[in-house]
Amino acid sequence: MGASEEPGLQIPAKRTDPGRGEKWTIERIMSIRYWTSSLVSFRTTRYRSFRFTPGHYTRLGLGAADDLVWRPFSVASAAYDDFLEFIAVLVPGGAFSEQLKHLRIGDALCVEKGSYGFLTVDQLAPGKNLWLLSSGTGLGPFLSILQDPAVWQNYERLIVAHSARHSSELAWRDEIAGIPQRELFADAKATLTYLPIVTREPGATPLAERIPLLLADGRLEAAAACPLDVATSRVLVCGNPEMARALRQSLAARGFATNRRGIPGQMAFEKYW
């Protein structure tokens, strides 16, 4: 780690494999990017046996080795990347955030070996259009899903709506728009529609209301030039609990259902700030 007054893991200078029975590995910070003073993304090394499905989350640990603070984070990197990427909001005074903001390249943190969650495409019945609706850092799991070549072959339309309070918080805006130009997706069947939404800066984006309101009055579908109906559309939602609750009710009224007893549904949710 850095200076001795900074909190961190007391570990050897070189990365070591986990011991038998340990549920986490010690990884190193590879890069850090501050989108705003409180919105940060970072990459870590990846243990060779770590596996996840795009949309999954894992837990990260920071602190003294005998007093780790753990928090869940969705994996934003692709399943085939040799690193792991995460996005976080620094909460003033937060037990995890106060340590995270001191991390520098080369510093250590713990990554749990397991990955979890139901915000994955395999939870959905086959469909034509895939809608990814997010607010804030809820964009994280969708970044991983958007880098999955299978998703681009199994759908005709990929529609990403990302809501933020300020335009500076539209993390990965340019990166998302550039995904179709990557060589890996040169033969992709799907087309991508990206809908940025800024709610507290009038005029910053054509859409400026919360996603549930935009869905309710038809503006979301109009902006995407695509109907959001149960026959052709599948929906993944990741964001603050209020948004998730409102969209669940609205979509259920349209006939959408979540996965039940192994029967694939038309929508899946993750509450995430």
C-alpha atoms as a PDB file:
ATOM      1  CA  MET A   1       0.000   0.000   0.000  1.00  0.00           C
ATOM      2  CA  GLY A   2       0.916   3.661   0.123  1.00  0.00           C
ATOM      3  CA  ALA A   3       1.756   5.645   3.229  1.00  0.00           C
ATOM      4  CA  SER A   4       1.330   3.894   6.537  1.00  0.00           C
ATOM      5  CA  GLU A   5      -1.513   6.154   7.656  1.00  0.00           C
ATOM      6  CA  GLU A   6      -3.680   4.965   4.755  1.00  0.00           C
ATOM      7  CA  PRO A   7      -5.968   1.995   5.519  1.00  0.00           C
ATOM      8  CA  GLY A   8      -5.302  -1.177   3.599  1.00  0.00           C
ATOM      9  CA  LEU A   9      -4.469  -4.833   3.566  1.00  0.00           C
ATOM     10  CA  GLN A  10      -1.352  -6.047   5.317  1.00  0.00           C
ATOM     11  CA  ILE A  11      -0.125  -8.395   2.592  1.00  0.00           C
ATOM     12  CA  PRO A  12       3.131  -9.461   0.965  1.00  0.00           C
ATOM     13  CA  ALA A  13       4.649  -7.195  -1.706  1.00  0.00           C
ATOM     14  CA  LYS A  14       3.876  -9.743  -4.412  1.00  0.00           C
ATOM     15  CA  ARG A  15       0.446 -11.117  -5.205  1.00  0.00           C
ATOM     16  CA  THR A  16      -0.084 -14.629  -3.874  1.00  0.00           C
ATOM     17  CA  ASP A  17      -2.625 -17.305  -4.673  1.00  0.00           C
ATOM     18  CA  PRO A  18      -5.341 -17.900  -2.092  1.00  0.00           C
ATOM     19  CA  GLY A  19      -4.847 -20.603   0.447  1.00  0.00           C
ATOM     20  CA  ARG A  20      -7.038 -23.646   0.561  1.00  0.00           C
ATOM     21  CA  GLY A  21     -10.472 -22.820   1.923  1.00  0.00           C
ATOM     22  CA  GLU A  22     -10.150 -19.051   1.481  1.00  0.00           C
ATOM     23  CA  LYS A  23     -13.173 -17.467  -0.178  1.00  0.00           C
ATOM     24  CA  TRP A  24     -11.322 -14.498  -1.670  1.00  0.00           C
ATOM     25  CA  THR A  25      -8.154 -13.563  -3.509  1.00  0.00           C
ATOM     26  CA  ILE A  26      -5.840 -10.589  -3.099  1.00  0.00           C
ATOM     27  CA  GLU A  27      -5.807  -8.436  -6.234  1.00  0.00           C
ATOM     28  CA  ARG A  28      -4.048  -5.226  -7.252  1.00  0.00           C
ATOM     29  CA  ILE A  29      -5.358  -1.918  -8.590  1.00  0.00           C
ATOM     30  CA  MET A  30      -4.333  -1.551 -12.258  1.00  0.00           C
ATOM     31  CA  SER A  31      -5.993   1.783 -13.080  1.00  0.00           C
ATOM     32  CA  ILE A  32      -8.316   4.367 -11.556  1.00  0.00           C
ATOM     33  CA  ARG A  33     -10.534   6.887 -13.331  1.00  0.00           C
ATOM     34  CA  TYR A  34     -12.438   9.679 -11.634  1.00  0.00           C
ATOM     35  CA  TRP A  35     -15.455  10.705 -13.731  1.00  0.00           C
ATOM     36  CA  THR A  36     -16.417  13.233 -11.040  1.00  0.00           C
ATOM     37  CA  SER A  37     -15.101  13.923  -7.552  1.00  0.00           C
ATOM     38  CA  SER A  38     -17.325  11.143  -6.208  1.00  0.00           C
ATOM     39  CA  LEU A  39     -17.828   8.806  -9.192  1.00  0.00           C
ATOM     40  CA  VAL A  40     -14.904   6.472  -9.800  1.00  0.00           C
ATOM     41  CA  SER A  41     -14.165   3.374 -11.848  1.00  0.00           C
ATOM     42  CA  PHE A  42     -11.193   1.108 -11.309  1.00  0.00           C
ATOM     43  CA  ARG A  43      -9.600  -2.010 -12.729  1.00  0.00           C
ATOM     44  CA  THR A  44      -8.012  -4.800 -10.747  1.00  0.00           C
ATOM     45  CA  THR A  45      -6.001  -7.868 -11.587  1.00  0.00           C
ATOM     46  CA  ARG A  46      -8.083 -11.009 -12.071  1.00  0.00           C
ATOM     47  CA  TYR A  47      -7.389 -14.356 -10.471  1.00  0.00           C
ATOM     48  CA  ARG A  48      -7.101 -16.982 -13.199  1.00  0.00           C
ATOM     49  CA  SER A  49      -9.978 -19.094 -11.836  1.00  0.00           C
ATOM     50  CA  PHE A  50     -12.477 -16.263 -11.297  1.00  0.00           C
ATOM     51  CA  ARG A  51     -15.598 -16.795 -13.424  1.00  0.00           C
ATOM     52  CA  PHE A  52     -18.747 -14.739 -13.816  1.00  0.00           C
ATOM     53  CA  THR A  53     -21.691 -14.293 -16.137  1.00  0.00           C
ATOM     54  CA  PRO A  54     -22.171 -10.778 -17.555  1.00  0.00           C
ATOM     55  CA  GLY A  55     -24.584  -9.064 -15.166  1.00  0.00           C
ATOM     56  CA  HIS A  56     -23.199 -10.747 -12.050  1.00  0.00           C
ATOM     57  CA  TYR A  57     -21.757  -9.019  -9.018  1.00  0.00           C
ATOM     58  CA  THR A  58     -19.084 -10.030  -6.553  1.00  0.00           C
ATOM     59  CA  ARG A  59     -17.900  -8.617  -3.226  1.00  0.00           C
ATOM     60  CA  LEU A  60     -14.831  -6.469  -2.669  1.00  0.00           C
ATOM     61  CA  GLY A  61     -13.040  -6.177   0.667  1.00  0.00           C
ATOM     62  CA  LEU A  62     -10.896  -3.362   2.057  1.00  0.00           C
ATOM     63  CA  GLY A  63      -9.278  -2.798   5.428  1.00  0.00           C
ATOM     64  CA  ALA A  64      -6.991  -4.555   7.840  1.00  0.00           C
ATOM     65  CA  ALA A  65      -6.674  -8.271   7.176  1.00  0.00           C
ATOM     66  CA  ASP A  66      -8.536  -9.124  10.377  1.00  0.00           C
ATOM     67  CA  ASP A  67     -11.218  -6.442   9.933  1.00  0.00           C
ATOM     68  CA  LEU A  68     -12.222  -6.306   6.260  1.00  0.00           C
ATOM     69  CA  VAL A  69     -15.140  -4.168   5.091  1.00  0.00           C
ATOM     70  CA  TRP A  70     -17.041  -5.897   2.276  1.00  0.00           C
ATOM     71  CA  ARG A  71     -19.347  -4.377  -0.343  1.00  0.00           C
ATOM     72  CA  PRO A  72     -21.078  -5.867  -3.422  1.00  0.00           C
ATOM     73  CA  PHE A  73     -20.077  -4.490  -6.824  1.00  0.00           C
ATOM     74  CA  SER A  74     -21.330  -5.462 -10.257  1.00  0.00           C
ATOM     75  CA  VAL A  75     -18.581  -6.473 -12.668  1.00  0.00           C
ATOM     76  CA  ALA A  76     -18.382  -3.956 -15.509  1.00  0.00           C
ATOM     77  CA  SER A  77     -15.662  -5.671 -17.538  1.00  0.00           C
ATOM     78  CA  ALA A  78     -16.209  -8.330 -20.177  1.00  0.00           C
ATOM     79  CA  ALA A  79     -16.203 -11.987 -19.193  1.00  0.00           C
ATOM     80  CA  TYR A  80     -13.153 -12.529 -21.432  1.00  0.00           C
ATOM     81  CA  ASP A  81     -11.049  -9.623 -20.093  1.00  0.00           C
ATOM     82  CA  ASP A  82      -7.940 -10.475 -18.073  1.00  0.00           C
ATOM     83  CA  PHE A  83      -8.867  -7.772 -15.546  1.00  0.00           C
ATOM     84  CA  LEU A  84     -11.948  -6.874 -13.482  1.00  0.00           C
ATOM     85  CA  GLU A  85     -13.562  -3.452 -13.636  1.00  0.00           C
ATOM     86  CA  PHE A  86     -15.955  -1.822 -11.191  1.00  0.00           C
ATOM     87  CA  ILE A  87     -17.729   1.514 -10.792  1.00  0.00           C
ATOM     88  CA  ALA A  88     -18.473   3.156  -7.446  1.00  0.00           C
ATOM     89  CA  VAL A  89     -19.844   6.283  -5.805  1.00  0.00           C
ATOM     90  CA  LEU A  90     -17.748   7.545  -2.915  1.00  0.00           C
ATOM     91  CA  VAL A  91     -20.005   8.114   0.086  1.00  0.00           C
ATOM     92  CA  PRO A  92     -18.616  10.697   2.541  1.00  0.00           C
ATOM     93  CA  GLY A  93     -17.780   8.949   5.798  1.00  0.00           C
ATOM     94  CA  GLY A  94     -18.594   5.519   4.375  1.00  0.00           C
ATOM     95  CA  ALA A  95     -16.553   2.671   5.869  1.00  0.00           C
ATOM     96  CA  PHE A  96     -15.691   1.324   2.418  1.00  0.00           C
ATOM     97  CA  SER A  97     -15.585   4.621   0.509  1.00  0.00           C
ATOM     98  CA  GLU A  98     -13.133   6.278   2.881  1.00  0.00           C
ATOM     99  CA  GLN A  99     -10.665   3.495   2.139  1.00  0.00           C
ATOM    100  CA  LEU A 100     -11.445   3.277  -1.571  1.00  0.00           C
ATOM    101  CA  LYS A 101     -10.649   6.942  -2.184  1.00  0.00           C
ATOM    102  CA  HIS A 102      -7.083   6.415  -0.884  1.00  0.00           C
ATOM    103  CA  LEU A 103      -6.293   3.526  -3.242  1.00  0.00           C
ATOM    104  CA  ARG A 104      -3.571   4.024  -5.808  1.00  0.00           C
ATOM    105  CA  ILE A 105      -2.257   1.907  -8.677  1.00  0.00           C
ATOM    106  CA  GLY A 106      -0.515  -1.155  -7.241  1.00  0.00           C
ATOM    107  CA  ASP A 107      -2.497  -1.144  -4.000  1.00  0.00           C
ATOM    108  CA  ALA A 108      -4.368  -4.236  -2.881  1.00  0.00           C
ATOM    109  CA  LEU A 109      -7.951  -5.252  -2.199  1.00  0.00           C
ATOM    110  CA  CYS A 110      -9.786  -8.534  -1.747  1.00  0.00           C
ATOM    111  CA  VAL A 111     -12.102  -9.990  -4.379  1.00  0.00           C
ATOM    112  CA  GLU A 112     -14.465 -12.755  -3.380  1.00  0.00           C
ATOM    113  CA  LYS A 113     -14.087 -15.864  -5.533  1.00  0.00           C
ATOM    114  CA  GLY A 114     -17.807 -16.245  -6.188  1.00  0.00           C
ATOM    115  CA  SER A 115     -20.114 -14.213  -8.432  1.00  0.00           C
ATOM    116  CA  TYR A 116     -23.861 -13.848  -7.952  1.00  0.00           C
ATOM    117  CA  GLY A 117     -27.103 -12.373  -9.195  1.00  0.00           C
ATOM    118  CA  PHE A 118     -30.040 -12.804 -11.536  1.00  0.00           C
ATOM    119  CA  LEU A 119     -29.555  -9.754 -13.760  1.00  0.00           C
ATOM    120  CA  THR A 120     -28.400 -11.909 -16.652  1.00  0.00           C
ATOM    121  CA  VAL A 121     -29.697 -12.517 -20.149  1.00  0.00           C
ATOM    122  CA  ASP A 122     -30.177 -16.220 -19.424  1.00  0.00           C
ATOM    123  CA  GLN A 123     -32.983 -15.269 -17.033  1.00  0.00           C
ATOM    124  CA  LEU A 124     -35.009 -14.056 -20.009  1.00  0.00           C
ATOM    125  CA  ALA A 125     -37.093 -15.859 -22.594  1.00  0.00           C
ATOM    126  CA  PRO A 126     -35.911 -15.417 -26.190  1.00  0.00           C
ATOM    127  CA  GLY A 127     -36.862 -12.064 -27.642  1.00  0.00           C
ATOM    128  CA  LYS A 128     -36.175  -9.555 -30.394  1.00  0.00           C
ATOM    129  CA  ASN A 129     -35.266  -6.383 -28.507  1.00  0.00           C
ATOM    130  CA  LEU A 130     -33.213  -6.128 -25.318  1.00  0.00           C
ATOM    131  CA  TRP A 131     -33.799  -3.038 -23.160  1.00  0.00           C
ATOM    132  CA  LEU A 132     -31.164  -2.156 -20.534  1.00  0.00           C
ATOM    133  CA  LEU A 133     -32.592   0.481 -18.181  1.00  0.00           C
ATOM    134  CA  SER A 134     -30.266   1.941 -15.550  1.00  0.00           C
ATOM    135  CA  SER A 135     -29.699   4.846 -13.207  1.00  0.00           C
ATOM    136  CA  GLY A 136     -26.389   5.974 -11.715  1.00  0.00           C
ATOM    137  CA  THR A 137     -23.891   3.183 -11.120  1.00  0.00           C
ATOM    138  CA  GLY A 138     -26.575   0.686 -12.137  1.00  0.00           C
ATOM    139  CA  LEU A 139     -24.971   0.976 -15.560  1.00  0.00           C
ATOM    140  CA  GLY A 140     -22.126  -1.287 -14.367  1.00  0.00           C
ATOM    141  CA  PRO A 141     -23.548  -4.739 -15.141  1.00  0.00           C
ATOM    142  CA  PHE A 142     -24.839  -3.552 -18.510  1.00  0.00           C
ATOM    143  CA  LEU A 143     -21.326  -2.602 -19.587  1.00  0.00           C
ATOM    144  CA  SER A 144     -20.378  -6.248 -19.174  1.00  0.00           C
ATOM    145  CA  ILE A 145     -23.503  -7.471 -20.983  1.00  0.00           C
ATOM    146  CA  LEU A 146     -22.883  -5.074 -23.884  1.00  0.00           C
ATOM    147  CA  GLN A 147     -19.436  -6.591 -24.390  1.00  0.00           C
ATOM    148  CA  ASP A 148     -20.824 -10.120 -24.785  1.00  0.00           C
ATOM    149  CA  PRO A 149     -20.783 -11.108 -28.501  1.00  0.00           C
ATOM    150  CA  ALA A 150     -23.609 -13.616 -27.928  1.00  0.00           C
ATOM    151  CA  VAL A 151     -25.959 -10.800 -26.929  1.00  0.00           C
ATOM    152  CA  TRP A 152     -25.252  -9.050 -30.221  1.00  0.00           C
ATOM    153  CA  GLN A 153     -26.112 -12.206 -32.137  1.00  0.00           C
ATOM    154  CA  ASN A 154     -29.237 -13.186 -30.196  1.00  0.00           C
ATOM    155  CA  TYR A 155     -31.061  -9.836 -30.412  1.00  0.00           C
ATOM    156  CA  GLU A 156     -31.902  -7.428 -33.222  1.00  0.00           C
ATOM    157  CA  ARG A 157     -31.989  -4.264 -31.104  1.00  0.00           C
ATOM    158  CA  LEU A 158     -30.022  -3.345 -27.979  1.00  0.00           C
ATOM    159  CA  ILE A 159     -31.461  -0.259 -26.281  1.00  0.00           C
ATOM    160  CA  VAL A 160     -29.544   1.306 -23.391  1.00  0.00           C
ATOM    161  CA  ALA A 161     -31.134   4.052 -21.297  1.00  0.00           C
ATOM    162  CA  HIS A 162     -28.866   5.520 -18.614  1.00  0.00           C
ATOM    163  CA  SER A 163     -30.242   8.137 -16.239  1.00  0.00           C
ATOM    164  CA  ALA A 164     -28.035  10.482 -14.205  1.00  0.00           C
ATOM    165  CA  ARG A 165     -28.574  13.741 -12.385  1.00  0.00           C
ATOM    166  CA  HIS A 166     -25.734  15.561 -14.157  1.00  0.00           C
ATOM    167  CA  SER A 167     -24.125  15.082 -17.558  1.00  0.00           C
ATOM    168  CA  SER A 168     -20.721  14.534 -15.941  1.00  0.00           C
ATOM    169  CA  GLU A 169     -22.149  11.376 -14.372  1.00  0.00           C
ATOM    170  CA  LEU A 170     -22.854   9.717 -17.734  1.00  0.00           C
ATOM    171  CA  ALA A 171     -19.884   7.410 -17.290  1.00  0.00           C
ATOM    172  CA  TRP A 172     -18.705   5.481 -20.343  1.00  0.00           C
ATOM    173  CA  ARG A 173     -20.893   7.534 -22.670  1.00  0.00           C
ATOM    174  CA  ASP A 174     -18.333   7.545 -25.483  1.00  0.00           C
ATOM    175  CA  GLU A 175     -17.236   3.981 -24.809  1.00  0.00           C
ATOM    176  CA  ILE A 176     -20.799   2.679 -25.134  1.00  0.00           C
ATOM    177  CA  ALA A 177     -21.333   4.498 -28.412  1.00  0.00           C
ATOM    178  CA  GLY A 178     -18.085   3.006 -29.728  1.00  0.00           C
ATOM    179  CA  ILE A 179     -18.833  -0.653 -28.964  1.00  0.00           C
ATOM    180  CA  PRO A 180     -20.371  -1.416 -32.399  1.00  0.00           C
ATOM    181  CA  GLN A 181     -17.149  -0.237 -34.065  1.00  0.00           C
ATOM    182  CA  ARG A 182     -15.017  -2.813 -32.287  1.00  0.00           C
ATOM    183  CA  GLU A 183     -13.646  -5.594 -34.450  1.00  0.00           C
ATOM    184  CA  LEU A 184     -15.218  -8.197 -32.166  1.00  0.00           C
ATOM    185  CA  PHE A 185     -18.693  -6.968 -33.169  1.00  0.00           C
ATOM    186  CA  ALA A 186     -18.052  -6.430 -36.870  1.00  0.00           C
ATOM    187  CA  ASP A 187     -20.488  -9.202 -37.848  1.00  0.00           C
ATOM    188  CA  ALA A 188     -23.043  -8.524 -35.117  1.00  0.00           C
ATOM    189  CA  LYS A 189     -26.701  -8.837 -35.974  1.00  0.00           C
ATOM    190  CA  ALA A 190     -27.949  -6.307 -33.424  1.00  0.00           C
ATOM    191  CA  THR A 191     -27.953  -2.538 -33.639  1.00  0.00           C
ATOM    192  CA  LEU A 192     -27.354  -0.312 -30.621  1.00  0.00           C
ATOM    193  CA  THR A 193     -29.449   2.627 -29.449  1.00  0.00           C
ATOM    194  CA  TYR A 194     -28.017   4.631 -26.560  1.00  0.00           C
ATOM    195  CA  LEU A 195     -30.322   7.026 -24.702  1.00  0.00           C
ATOM    196  CA  PRO A 196     -28.544   9.250 -22.161  1.00  0.00           C
ATOM    197  CA  ILE A 197     -30.876  10.959 -19.689  1.00  0.00           C
ATOM    198  CA  VAL A 198     -29.863  13.915 -17.499  1.00  0.00           C
ATOM    199  CA  THR A 199     -32.521  14.964 -14.995  1.00  0.00           C
ATOM    200  CA  ARG A 200     -31.060  18.067 -13.308  1.00  0.00           C
ATOM    201  CA  GLU A 201     -29.496  20.024 -16.161  1.00  0.00           C
ATOM    202  CA  PRO A 202     -32.211  21.428 -18.432  1.00  0.00           C
ATOM    203  CA  GLY A 203     -31.312  20.946 -22.078  1.00  0.00           C
ATOM    204  CA  ALA A 204     -28.373  18.628 -21.466  1.00  0.00           C
ATOM    205  CA  THR A 205     -30.106  15.695 -23.169  1.00  0.00           C
ATOM    206  CA  PRO A 206     -33.312  15.364 -25.221  1.00  0.00           C
ATOM    207  CA  LEU A 207     -34.758  13.144 -22.491  1.00  0.00           C
ATOM    208  CA  ALA A 208     -34.762  14.743 -19.048  1.00  0.00           C
ATOM    209  CA  GLU A 209     -37.272  12.920 -16.843  1.00  0.00           C
ATOM    210  CA  ARG A 210     -36.903   9.813 -14.724  1.00  0.00           C
ATOM    211  CA  ILE A 211     -37.126   6.587 -16.720  1.00  0.00           C
ATOM    212  CA  PRO A 212     -40.467   5.434 -15.214  1.00  0.00           C
ATOM    213  CA  LEU A 213     -42.091   8.713 -16.317  1.00  0.00           C
ATOM    214  CA  LEU A 214     -40.577   8.458 -19.785  1.00  0.00           C
ATOM    215  CA  LEU A 215     -41.961   4.950 -20.125  1.00  0.00           C
ATOM    216  CA  ALA A 216     -45.367   5.916 -18.806  1.00  0.00           C
ATOM    217  CA  ASP A 217     -45.942   8.747 -21.292  1.00  0.00           C
ATOM    218  CA  GLY A 218     -44.427   6.990 -24.301  1.00  0.00           C
ATOM    219  CA  ARG A 219     -41.363   9.199 -24.723  1.00  0.00           C
ATOM    220  CA  LEU A 220     -38.890   6.391 -24.037  1.00  0.00           C
ATOM    221  CA  GLU A 221     -40.293   4.214 -26.806  1.00  0.00           C
ATOM    222  CA  ALA A 222     -40.526   7.196 -29.146  1.00  0.00           C
ATOM    223  CA  ALA A 223     -36.865   8.093 -28.563  1.00  0.00           C
ATOM    224  CA  ALA A 224     -35.833   4.496 -29.235  1.00  0.00           C
ATOM    225  CA  ALA A 225     -38.195   4.200 -32.213  1.00  0.00           C
ATOM    226  CA  CYS A 226     -39.148   0.818 -30.822  1.00  0.00           C
ATOM    227  CA  PRO A 227     -42.197  -0.492 -28.957  1.00  0.00           C
ATOM    228  CA  LEU A 228     -41.607  -1.965 -25.510  1.00  0.00           C
ATOM    229  CA  ASP A 229     -44.080  -4.842 -25.631  1.00  0.00           C
ATOM    230  CA  VAL A 230     -44.096  -8.261 -24.053  1.00  0.00           C
ATOM    231  CA  ALA A 231     -44.171 -10.088 -27.394  1.00  0.00           C
ATOM    232  CA  THR A 232     -40.838  -8.786 -28.677  1.00  0.00           C
ATOM    233  CA  SER A 233     -39.048  -7.011 -25.812  1.00  0.00           C
ATOM    234  CA  ARG A 234     -36.966  -8.228 -22.894  1.00  0.00           C
ATOM    235  CA  VAL A 235     -35.966  -5.847 -20.103  1.00  0.00           C
ATOM    236  CA  LEU A 236     -33.144  -5.709 -17.565  1.00  0.00           C
ATOM    237  CA  VAL A 237     -33.362  -2.971 -14.908  1.00  0.00           C
ATOM    238  CA  CYS A 238     -30.595  -1.876 -12.558  1.00  0.00           C
ATOM    239  CA  GLY A 239     -30.796   1.252 -10.444  1.00  0.00           C
ATOM    240  CA  ASN A 240     -32.127   2.868  -7.322  1.00  0.00           C
ATOM    241  CA  PRO A 241     -34.932   1.015  -5.502  1.00  0.00           C
ATOM    242  CA  GLU A 242     -37.555   3.640  -6.349  1.00  0.00           C
ATOM    243  CA  MET A 243     -36.903   3.318 -10.080  1.00  0.00           C
ATOM    244  CA  ALA A 244     -36.850  -0.474  -9.902  1.00  0.00           C
ATOM    245  CA  ARG A 245     -40.135  -0.567  -7.995  1.00  0.00           C
ATOM    246  CA  ALA A 246     -41.892   1.809 -10.392  1.00  0.00           C
ATOM    247  CA  LEU A 247     -40.675  -0.021 -13.498  1.00  0.00           C
ATOM    248  CA  ARG A 248     -41.635  -3.399 -12.070  1.00  0.00           C
ATOM    249  CA  GLN A 249     -45.196  -2.187 -11.578  1.00  0.00           C
ATOM    250  CA  SER A 250     -45.379  -0.527 -14.972  1.00  0.00           C
ATOM    251  CA  LEU A 251     -43.948  -3.490 -16.862  1.00  0.00           C
ATOM    252  CA  ALA A 252     -46.098  -5.991 -14.963  1.00  0.00           C
ATOM    253  CA  ALA A 253     -49.148  -4.023 -16.083  1.00  0.00           C
ATOM    254  CA  ARG A 254     -47.977  -4.616 -19.655  1.00  0.00           C
ATOM    255  CA  GLY A 255     -47.764  -8.371 -19.069  1.00  0.00           C
ATOM    256  CA  PHE A 256     -44.057  -8.714 -18.263  1.00  0.00           C
ATOM    257  CA  ALA A 257     -43.025 -11.266 -15.636  1.00  0.00           C
ATOM    258  CA  THR A 258     -39.789 -12.271 -13.919  1.00  0.00           C
ATOM    259  CA  ASN A 259     -38.236 -15.738 -14.015  1.00  0.00           C
ATOM    260  CA  ARG A 260     -40.393 -18.119 -11.962  1.00  0.00           C
ATOM    261  CA  ARG A 261     -39.526 -21.711 -11.023  1.00  0.00           C
ATOM    262  CA  GLY A 262     -37.103 -22.029 -13.884  1.00  0.00           C
ATOM    263  CA  ILE A 263     -39.487 -20.548 -16.446  1.00  0.00           C
ATOM    264  CA  PRO A 264     -37.692 -17.667 -18.207  1.00  0.00           C
ATOM    265  CA  GLY A 265     -39.424 -14.321 -17.898  1.00  0.00           C
ATOM    266  CA  GLN A 266     -39.439 -11.094 -19.854  1.00  0.00           C
ATOM    267  CA  MET A 267     -37.787  -8.865 -17.206  1.00  0.00           C
ATOM    268  CA  ALA A 268     -35.183  -9.014 -14.441  1.00  0.00           C
ATOM    269  CA  PHE A 269     -34.137  -6.512 -11.779  1.00  0.00           C
ATOM    270  CA  GLU A 270     -31.272  -5.499  -9.523  1.00  0.00           C
ATOM    271  CA  LYS A 271     -31.540  -2.707  -6.947  1.00  0.00           C
ATOM    272  CA  TYR A 272     -28.354  -0.685  -7.048  1.00  0.00           C
ATOM    273  CA  TRP A 273     -27.342   2.868  -6.207  1.00  0.00           C
END
